Amino acid sequence: MEAGCNDFVAKPFRSHELFSVISKHLDLEYQLRESASRTSGPST
């Protein structure tokens, strides 16, 4: 891998922006899944 600055993410950054830049430069594809707290209803 070549060393150098190839992109810029301004602070405060949003996580989706950071992951987008990382995936672009490393040729990655993320597989997202819902967390258990989102898929289950409220506990009683």
PDB file of N, CA and C in Angstrom:
ATOM      1  N   MET A   1       0.835  -1.176   0.000  1.00  0.00           N
ATOM      2  CA  MET A   1       0.000   0.000   0.000  1.00  0.00           C
ATOM      3  C   MET A   1       0.886   1.248   0.000  1.00  0.00           C
ATOM      4  N   GLU A   2       0.491   2.213  -0.785  1.00  0.00           N
ATOM      5  CA  GLU A   2       1.252   3.454  -0.834  1.00  0.00           C
ATOM      6  C   GLU A   2       0.917   4.318   0.373  1.00  0.00           C
ATOM      7  N   ALA A   3       1.939   4.967   0.900  1.00  0.00           N
ATOM      8  CA  ALA A   3       1.723   5.877   2.022  1.00  0.00           C
ATOM      9  C   ALA A   3       1.268   7.228   1.482  1.00  0.00           C
ATOM     10  N   GLY A   4       0.420   7.893   2.239  1.00  0.00           N
ATOM     11  CA  GLY A   4      -0.021   9.212   1.823  1.00  0.00           C
ATOM     12  C   GLY A   4      -1.426   9.508   2.298  1.00  0.00           C
ATOM     13  N   CYS A   5      -1.830  10.735   2.085  1.00  0.00           N
ATOM     14  CA  CYS A   5      -3.162  11.177   2.470  1.00  0.00           C
ATOM     15  C   CYS A   5      -4.045  11.169   1.233  1.00  0.00           C
ATOM     16  N   ASN A   6      -5.014  10.269   1.196  1.00  0.00           N
ATOM     17  CA  ASN A   6      -5.852  10.107   0.021  1.00  0.00           C
ATOM     18  C   ASN A   6      -7.262  10.644   0.190  1.00  0.00           C
ATOM     19  N   ASP A   7      -7.636  11.001   1.407  1.00  0.00           N
ATOM     20  CA  ASP A   7      -8.998  11.461   1.650  1.00  0.00           C
ATOM     21  C   ASP A   7      -9.019  12.291   2.912  1.00  0.00           C
ATOM     22  N   PHE A   8     -10.182  12.852   3.226  1.00  0.00           N
ATOM     23  CA  PHE A   8     -10.316  13.727   4.379  1.00  0.00           C
ATOM     24  C   PHE A   8     -11.677  13.515   5.017  1.00  0.00           C
ATOM     25  N   VAL A   9     -11.698  13.368   6.340  1.00  0.00           N
ATOM     26  CA  VAL A   9     -12.944  13.288   7.097  1.00  0.00           C
ATOM     27  C   VAL A   9     -12.845  14.348   8.196  1.00  0.00           C
ATOM     28  N   ALA A  10     -13.752  15.327   8.138  1.00  0.00           N
ATOM     29  CA  ALA A  10     -13.714  16.437   9.087  1.00  0.00           C
ATOM     30  C   ALA A  10     -14.290  16.025  10.439  1.00  0.00           C
ATOM     31  N   LYS A  11     -13.737  16.607  11.506  1.00  0.00           N
ATOM     32  CA  LYS A  11     -14.269  16.402  12.852  1.00  0.00           C
ATOM     33  C   LYS A  11     -15.357  17.425  13.098  1.00  0.00           C
ATOM     34  N   PRO A  12     -16.364  17.149  13.838  1.00  0.00           N
ATOM     35  CA  PRO A  12     -16.698  15.832  14.369  1.00  0.00           C
ATOM     36  C   PRO A  12     -17.265  14.974  13.240  1.00  0.00           C
ATOM     37  N   PHE A  13     -16.724  13.804  13.080  1.00  0.00           N
ATOM     38  CA  PHE A  13     -17.160  12.951  11.984  1.00  0.00           C
ATOM     39  C   PHE A  13     -18.317  12.071  12.415  1.00  0.00           C
ATOM     40  N   ARG A  14     -19.106  11.682  11.437  1.00  0.00           N
ATOM     41  CA  ARG A  14     -20.195  10.723  11.665  1.00  0.00           C
ATOM     42  C   ARG A  14     -19.666   9.353  11.291  1.00  0.00           C
ATOM     43  N   SER A  15     -20.070   8.353  12.032  1.00  0.00           N
ATOM     44  CA  SER A  15     -19.530   7.008  11.827  1.00  0.00           C
ATOM     45  C   SER A  15     -19.760   6.523  10.400  1.00  0.00           C
ATOM     46  N   HIS A  16     -20.928   6.819   9.804  1.00  0.00           N
ATOM     47  CA  HIS A  16     -21.170   6.343   8.438  1.00  0.00           C
ATOM     48  C   HIS A  16     -20.219   6.990   7.439  1.00  0.00           C
ATOM     49  N   GLU A  17     -19.802   8.243   7.686  1.00  0.00           N
ATOM     50  CA  GLU A  17     -18.832   8.899   6.807  1.00  0.00           C
ATOM     51  C   GLU A  17     -17.469   8.224   6.911  1.00  0.00           C
ATOM     52  N   LEU A  18     -17.053   7.939   8.139  1.00  0.00           N
ATOM     53  CA  LEU A  18     -15.762   7.296   8.361  1.00  0.00           C
ATOM     54  C   LEU A  18     -15.732   5.906   7.726  1.00  0.00           C
ATOM     55  N   PHE A  19     -16.769   5.105   7.945  1.00  0.00           N
ATOM     56  CA  PHE A  19     -16.814   3.766   7.367  1.00  0.00           C
ATOM     57  C   PHE A  19     -16.873   3.816   5.845  1.00  0.00           C
ATOM     58  N   SER A  20     -17.514   4.819   5.295  1.00  0.00           N
ATOM     59  CA  SER A  20     -17.578   4.968   3.843  1.00  0.00           C
ATOM     60  C   SER A  20     -16.199   5.212   3.248  1.00  0.00           C
ATOM     61  N   VAL A  21     -15.430   6.092   3.868  1.00  0.00           N
ATOM     62  CA  VAL A  21     -14.072   6.387   3.388  1.00  0.00           C
ATOM     63  C   VAL A  21     -13.171   5.163   3.541  1.00  0.00           C
ATOM     64  N   ILE A  22     -13.265   4.486   4.671  1.00  0.00           N
ATOM     65  CA  ILE A  22     -12.453   3.276   4.886  1.00  0.00           C
ATOM     66  C   ILE A  22     -12.791   2.223   3.841  1.00  0.00           C
ATOM     67  N   SER A  23     -14.074   1.988   3.608  1.00  0.00           N
ATOM     68  CA  SER A  23     -14.464   0.953   2.645  1.00  0.00           C
ATOM     69  C   SER A  23     -14.031   1.315   1.227  1.00  0.00           C
ATOM     70  N   LYS A  24     -14.049   2.597   0.906  1.00  0.00           N
ATOM     71  CA  LYS A  24     -13.632   3.025  -0.433  1.00  0.00           C
ATOM     72  C   LYS A  24     -12.151   2.720  -0.678  1.00  0.00           C
ATOM     73  N   HIS A  25     -11.312   3.018   0.302  1.00  0.00           N
ATOM     74  CA  HIS A  25      -9.869   2.860   0.111  1.00  0.00           C
ATOM     75  C   HIS A  25      -9.377   1.433   0.315  1.00  0.00           C
ATOM     76  N   LEU A  26     -10.089   0.656   1.097  1.00  0.00           N
ATOM     77  CA  LEU A  26      -9.681  -0.731   1.343  1.00  0.00           C
ATOM     78  C   LEU A  26     -10.510  -1.727   0.543  1.00  0.00           C
ATOM     79  N   ASP A  27     -11.401  -1.218  -0.309  1.00  0.00           N
ATOM     80  CA  ASP A  27     -12.270  -2.052  -1.134  1.00  0.00           C
ATOM     81  C   ASP A  27     -13.034  -3.061  -0.280  1.00  0.00           C
ATOM     82  N   LEU A  28     -13.716  -2.528   0.743  1.00  0.00           N
ATOM     83  CA  LEU A  28     -14.491  -3.355   1.671  1.00  0.00           C
ATOM     84  C   LEU A  28     -15.980  -3.181   1.421  1.00  0.00           C
ATOM     85  N   GLU A  29     -16.731  -4.184   1.809  1.00  0.00           N
ATOM     86  CA  GLU A  29     -18.185  -4.101   1.790  1.00  0.00           C
ATOM     87  C   GLU A  29     -18.688  -4.577   3.143  1.00  0.00           C
ATOM     88  N   TYR A  30     -19.410  -3.718   3.844  1.00  0.00           N
ATOM     89  CA  TYR A  30     -19.892  -4.046   5.178  1.00  0.00           C
ATOM     90  C   TYR A  30     -21.214  -4.799   5.106  1.00  0.00           C
ATOM     91  N   GLN A  31     -21.381  -5.727   6.017  1.00  0.00           N
ATOM     92  CA  GLN A  31     -22.650  -6.436   6.162  1.00  0.00           C
ATOM     93  C   GLN A  31     -23.244  -6.008   7.493  1.00  0.00           C
ATOM     94  N   LEU A  32     -24.326  -5.261   7.436  1.00  0.00           N
ATOM     95  CA  LEU A  32     -24.941  -4.719   8.641  1.00  0.00           C
ATOM     96  C   LEU A  32     -26.058  -5.629   9.110  1.00  0.00           C
ATOM     97  N   ARG A  33     -26.214  -5.717  10.411  1.00  0.00           N
ATOM     98  CA  ARG A  33     -27.330  -6.458  10.986  1.00  0.00           C
ATOM     99  C   ARG A  33     -27.918  -5.628  12.109  1.00  0.00           C
ATOM    100  N   GLU A  34     -29.185  -5.840  12.373  1.00  0.00           N
ATOM    101  CA  GLU A  34     -29.855  -5.088  13.426  1.00  0.00           C
ATOM    102  C   GLU A  34     -29.448  -5.631  14.780  1.00  0.00           C
ATOM    103  N   SER A  35     -29.327  -4.741  15.734  1.00  0.00           N
ATOM    104  CA  SER A  35     -28.970  -5.176  17.084  1.00  0.00           C
ATOM    105  C   SER A  35     -30.179  -5.836  17.744  1.00  0.00           C
ATOM    106  N   ALA A  36     -29.928  -6.604  18.786  1.00  0.00           N
ATOM    107  CA  ALA A  36     -30.995  -7.307  19.491  1.00  0.00           C
ATOM    108  C   ALA A  36     -31.996  -6.335  20.093  1.00  0.00           C
ATOM    109  N   SER A  37     -31.541  -5.168  20.535  1.00  0.00           N
ATOM    110  CA  SER A  37     -32.447  -4.198  21.156  1.00  0.00           C
ATOM    111  C   SER A  37     -33.403  -3.598  20.149  1.00  0.00           C
ATOM    112  N   ARG A  38     -33.040  -3.551  18.888  1.00  0.00           N
ATOM    113  CA  ARG A  38     -33.933  -2.997  17.874  1.00  0.00           C
ATOM    114  C   ARG A  38     -34.931  -4.025  17.376  1.00  0.00           C
ATOM    115  N   THR A  39     -34.551  -5.288  17.360  1.00  0.00           N
ATOM    116  CA  THR A  39     -35.425  -6.312  16.798  1.00  0.00           C
ATOM    117  C   THR A  39     -36.450  -6.813  17.798  1.00  0.00           C
ATOM    118  N   SER A  40     -36.159  -6.733  19.077  1.00  0.00           N
ATOM    119  CA  SER A  40     -37.109  -7.203  20.084  1.00  0.00           C
ATOM    120  C   SER A  40     -37.942  -6.040  20.586  1.00  0.00           C
ATOM    121  N   GLY A  41     -39.130  -6.357  21.046  1.00  0.00           N
ATOM    122  CA  GLY A  41     -40.024  -5.341  21.575  1.00  0.00           C
ATOM    123  C   GLY A  41     -39.604  -4.919  22.969  1.00  0.00           C
ATOM    124  N   PRO A  42     -40.326  -3.979  23.533  1.00  0.00           N
ATOM    125  CA  PRO A  42     -39.987  -3.516  24.885  1.00  0.00           C
ATOM    126  C   PRO A  42     -40.191  -4.627  25.912  1.00  0.00           C
ATOM    127  N   SER A  43     -39.280  -4.665  26.865  1.00  0.00           N
ATOM    128  CA  SER A  43     -39.405  -5.708  27.911  1.00  0.00           C
ATOM    129  C   SER A  43     -40.359  -5.252  28.993  1.00  0.00           C
ATOM    130  N   THR A  44     -41.079  -6.190  29.560  1.00  0.00           N
ATOM    131  CA  THR A  44     -42.052  -5.852  30.615  1.00  0.00           C
ATOM    132  C   THR A  44     -41.710  -6.547  31.896  1.00  0.00           C
TER     133      THR A  44
END
